[in-house]
Every structure is written in structure tokens, then in C-alpha cells.
Amino acid sequence: MVSITMLFLSCTDTYRRVGDEAQKKVFPIGVGENFVLTYTEANAIINTEDSGSSRVISILSSPKNEDFTNLSFPHQKFPEGLVVDFFDDKNQKSKITADYGIIYSETNLIDLRGNVVIESHDGKKLEAPQLYYDQANEWIFTQEKFKYTNPEEGTIMDGEGMDFNKNLSYLHANKTYGLMLIKESSNE
């Protein structure tokens, strides 16, 4: 009888959990499949029966959305990729695609990862493994390698680290390399 008691007492788990095993499991408060979110902007105060005084700013679609807005640092994840169609004041559509995305609600920052491609309505194209979009300032930036193609000017620029505005009309590259054609102005 003593040996059985000793056997049970010696089987207690006194191992102190550390590292990955000690992390609390965090689950989303909601999961959406075939997720589509349309952002609109009203030109004036809208009554409940008005429908023509607003315009679509962007449409975000994703196969899966995980909502973690219940956490102390609220965010939403798009683990299976996302596509964002956004429209300028002239209703011209540009497009962003990525393999993975996170929207941080508190900081208005969007983190896009994996095969990120921005295609503007006029054919400009930016490709990078990761980009950040600051929604409040409408500013996009990366410290990763990138490839920027501008068919209007016939240029292809490769580099590392850049920041630019949402419509790709202002670009600041930290380090560039590759072939770039520069147009000269003629002074007659």
C-alpha cells in the first residue's frame, strides 16, 4: 500500500512552463470567410433614405478574416491573403494584393506581407515582400527590397527601402540599383 501511495506522489508535475509552452492561447472573437468590406465616404450628412451622396473609397476582400479587436492591442488578420481595390476622386481604380495582412486599429497601420503588389490606375507597379501603409497619413513605406515599374516613363527601378504617397506620385528611395532611364530636358 505504501508503494502505491509513493507512486502517485512521485507522479506530480512540478515542471515550470517557460517559453512557447507558457504562452496563453489567443483566439479571435470572430472569423469571417469570403470577407468583403466596402469603405465609403459621404459628401454630406446622409439621411436614412439617401443613397446617392456617398462614394466608394476602397473594397477589401479576403478568403479569411480573423478579428482580434477584443485584445488590448486590437487588430484584424488576413492569414490567407487580401485584395484591396481603392478609388481616387475621379473613381479610377488601383489595386493592392498580398499573401498576408494585419490591420492595427489603434495605430491605423496596415502590415502587408508576402508578394505585395500595388498597381495604380495608370499602370505603375510596385512589388515588395513587405509594405506598411499608414492610413492616417496615406503614406506607404518599406525597408525591404522592391521593384518599381513606371510604363509612362519607361523605367524599372530596383532598390531597398522606400516611402511614397498612396497614388505613387511622390517616391523616395533609400538605395537604388539597376537600369533607370532619365529623360533630359532640351534647352533651345
Protein backbone atom coordinates (compact mmCIF):
# COMPACT_ATOMS: atom_id res chain seq x y z
CA MET A 1 0.00 0.00 0.00
CA VAL A 2 2.90 2.34 0.78
CA SER A 3 4.48 1.73 -2.61
CA ILE A 4 1.25 2.66 -4.43
CA THR A 5 0.99 5.91 -2.44
CA MET A 6 4.60 6.76 -3.20
CA LEU A 7 3.96 6.01 -6.87
CA PHE A 8 1.10 8.55 -7.02
CA LEU A 9 3.02 11.19 -5.07
CA SER A 10 6.05 10.89 -7.31
CA CYS A 11 3.95 11.43 -10.46
CA THR A 12 3.03 15.06 -9.73
CA ASP A 13 4.04 17.58 -12.39
CA THR A 14 6.46 20.09 -10.88
CA TYR A 15 7.84 21.27 -14.24
CA ARG A 16 7.69 25.06 -14.53
CA ARG A 17 6.44 26.06 -18.00
CA VAL A 18 8.54 28.62 -19.86
CA GLY A 19 8.87 29.88 -23.44
CA ASP A 20 6.33 28.85 -26.04
CA GLU A 21 4.52 26.39 -23.78
CA ALA A 22 3.79 29.13 -21.21
CA GLN A 23 2.16 31.48 -23.74
CA LYS A 24 -1.55 31.95 -23.39
CA LYS A 25 -3.58 30.83 -26.36
CA VAL A 26 -5.31 33.77 -28.03
CA PHE A 27 -8.39 33.18 -30.13
CA PRO A 28 -10.23 35.67 -32.37
CA ILE A 29 -13.66 36.91 -31.34
CA GLY A 30 -14.82 36.25 -34.87
CA VAL A 31 -13.72 34.57 -38.07
CA GLY A 32 -15.12 35.61 -41.42
CA GLU A 33 -14.90 33.61 -44.61
CA ASN A 34 -15.16 35.18 -48.08
CA PHE A 35 -14.79 38.51 -46.30
CA VAL A 36 -15.68 41.71 -48.21
CA LEU A 37 -15.61 45.17 -46.61
CA THR A 38 -16.56 48.32 -48.51
CA TYR A 39 -15.30 51.67 -47.20
CA THR A 40 -17.41 54.65 -48.23
CA GLU A 41 -17.19 58.39 -47.77
CA ALA A 42 -20.16 60.74 -47.52
CA ASN A 43 -20.03 64.13 -49.24
CA ALA A 44 -22.62 65.50 -46.81
CA ILE A 45 -24.73 64.32 -43.90
CA ILE A 46 -26.76 61.34 -45.08
CA ASN A 47 -30.36 60.68 -44.09
CA THR A 48 -31.56 57.10 -43.74
CA GLU A 49 -33.12 57.20 -47.21
CA ASP A 50 -30.18 58.82 -49.05
CA SER A 51 -28.08 56.61 -51.26
CA GLY A 52 -26.51 58.86 -53.88
CA SER A 53 -24.44 61.20 -51.72
CA SER A 54 -21.63 58.79 -50.86
CA ARG A 55 -18.80 57.24 -52.86
CA VAL A 56 -16.79 54.06 -52.50
CA ILE A 57 -13.22 54.69 -51.32
CA SER A 58 -11.99 51.09 -51.17
CA ILE A 59 -13.12 47.48 -51.18
CA LEU A 60 -11.15 44.95 -49.12
CA SER A 61 -11.72 41.27 -49.87
CA SER A 62 -10.12 38.17 -48.39
CA PRO A 63 -10.83 34.44 -48.16
CA LYS A 64 -10.49 34.65 -44.35
CA ASN A 65 -10.58 37.38 -41.69
CA GLU A 66 -9.70 36.86 -38.03
CA ASP A 67 -10.97 39.59 -35.67
CA PHE A 68 -8.80 40.26 -32.60
CA THR A 69 -10.34 43.66 -31.74
CA ASN A 70 -11.09 42.42 -28.20
CA LEU A 71 -7.39 42.47 -27.23
CA SER A 72 -5.51 45.31 -25.54
CA PHE A 73 -3.81 45.99 -28.92
CA PRO A 74 -6.75 45.41 -31.30
CA HIS A 75 -6.10 44.11 -34.80
CA GLN A 76 -7.52 42.06 -37.65
CA LYS A 77 -5.59 39.37 -39.52
CA PHE A 78 -5.95 38.18 -43.10
CA PRO A 79 -3.94 34.93 -42.98
CA GLU A 80 -4.90 33.73 -46.47
CA GLY A 81 -4.16 36.97 -48.28
CA LEU A 82 -6.14 40.02 -49.28
CA VAL A 83 -7.01 42.26 -52.21
CA VAL A 84 -7.77 45.96 -51.81
CA ASP A 85 -9.31 47.95 -54.66
CA PHE A 86 -9.14 51.67 -53.92
CA PHE A 87 -10.58 54.57 -55.88
CA ASP A 88 -9.36 58.14 -56.27
CA ASP A 89 -11.52 61.28 -56.59
CA LYS A 90 -12.04 60.55 -60.31
CA ASN A 91 -13.17 56.98 -59.48
CA GLN A 92 -10.04 55.47 -61.05
CA LYS A 93 -9.24 52.07 -59.55
CA SER A 94 -5.87 50.97 -58.19
CA LYS A 95 -5.19 47.60 -56.59
CA ILE A 96 -3.11 46.09 -53.76
CA THR A 97 -2.60 42.35 -53.29
CA ALA A 98 -0.69 40.49 -50.55
CA ASP A 99 -0.36 36.94 -49.21
CA TYR A 100 -0.94 38.07 -45.60
CA GLY A 101 -2.12 41.23 -43.87
CA ILE A 102 -2.74 42.75 -40.45
CA ILE A 103 -4.73 45.92 -39.76
CA TYR A 104 -3.86 47.55 -36.43
CA SER A 105 -6.94 49.53 -35.34
CA GLU A 106 -5.28 51.69 -32.70
CA THR A 107 -2.36 52.93 -34.81
CA ASN A 108 -4.14 52.97 -38.23
CA LEU A 109 -1.24 50.94 -39.63
CA ILE A 110 -1.60 48.10 -42.13
CA ASP A 111 1.17 45.49 -42.41
CA LEU A 112 1.19 43.65 -45.77
CA ARG A 113 3.48 40.64 -46.26
CA GLY A 114 4.36 38.18 -48.98
CA ASN A 115 4.26 39.04 -52.69
CA VAL A 116 2.89 42.52 -52.09
CA VAL A 117 1.94 44.22 -55.37
CA ILE A 118 0.50 47.70 -55.83
CA GLU A 119 -0.85 48.50 -59.29
CA SER A 120 -2.02 52.06 -59.90
CA HIS A 121 -4.74 53.02 -62.36
CA ASP A 122 -2.13 54.46 -64.75
CA GLY A 123 -0.05 51.25 -64.92
CA LYS A 124 2.61 51.98 -62.29
CA LYS A 125 3.55 48.86 -60.35
CA LEU A 126 5.41 48.31 -57.08
CA GLU A 127 6.45 44.86 -55.88
CA ALA A 128 7.95 44.06 -52.45
CA PRO A 129 7.97 41.25 -49.87
CA GLN A 130 6.54 43.58 -47.19
CA LEU A 131 4.96 47.05 -47.08
CA TYR A 132 3.38 49.18 -44.38
CA TYR A 133 0.50 51.57 -45.04
CA ASP A 134 -0.14 54.46 -42.65
CA GLN A 135 -3.86 55.12 -43.19
CA ALA A 136 -3.94 58.42 -41.29
CA ASN A 137 -1.19 59.99 -43.41
CA GLU A 138 -1.93 57.98 -46.59
CA TRP A 139 1.75 57.00 -46.69
CA ILE A 140 3.34 53.68 -47.71
CA PHE A 141 6.84 52.55 -46.73
CA THR A 142 9.20 49.57 -46.61
CA GLN A 143 12.78 48.78 -45.67
CA GLU A 144 12.76 45.66 -47.85
CA LYS A 145 13.88 45.22 -51.45
CA PHE A 146 11.45 46.50 -54.07
CA LYS A 147 10.87 46.75 -57.81
CA TYR A 148 9.07 49.80 -59.21
CA THR A 149 7.87 49.90 -62.82
CA ASN A 150 6.64 53.11 -64.44
CA PRO A 151 5.43 52.49 -68.01
CA GLU A 152 4.77 56.23 -68.60
CA GLU A 153 8.48 56.97 -68.28
CA GLY A 154 9.68 53.53 -69.38
CA THR A 155 11.61 52.97 -66.15
CA ILE A 156 12.22 49.98 -63.94
CA MET A 157 13.82 50.75 -60.59
CA ASP A 158 15.12 48.20 -58.09
CA GLY A 159 16.23 49.10 -54.61
CA GLU A 160 15.98 48.71 -50.86
CA GLY A 161 13.84 50.86 -48.63
CA MET A 162 11.40 53.44 -49.92
CA ASP A 163 8.42 55.53 -48.95
CA PHE A 164 5.74 57.13 -51.08
CA ASN A 165 2.24 58.54 -51.13
CA LYS A 166 -0.83 56.45 -51.85
CA ASN A 167 -1.12 57.30 -55.56
CA LEU A 168 2.61 56.70 -56.27
CA SER A 169 3.13 60.28 -57.49
CA TYR A 170 5.86 61.01 -54.90
CA LEU A 171 8.60 58.43 -54.29
CA HIS A 172 11.64 58.50 -52.04
CA ALA A 173 14.00 55.53 -52.43
CA ASN A 174 16.75 54.92 -49.88
CA LYS A 175 19.01 52.78 -52.07
CA THR A 176 18.56 52.08 -55.79
CA TYR A 177 20.36 49.97 -58.35
CA GLY A 178 19.71 48.57 -61.79
CA LEU A 179 18.78 50.32 -65.02
CA MET A 180 16.95 53.65 -64.88
CA LEU A 181 16.32 55.89 -67.84
CA ILE A 182 16.41 59.61 -67.11
CA LYS A 183 14.82 62.00 -69.55
CA GLU A 184 16.78 65.13 -70.36
CA SER A 185 15.04 68.41 -70.97
CA SER A 186 16.13 70.29 -74.07
CA ASN A 187 17.05 73.95 -73.68
CA GLU A 188 16.73 75.59 -77.08
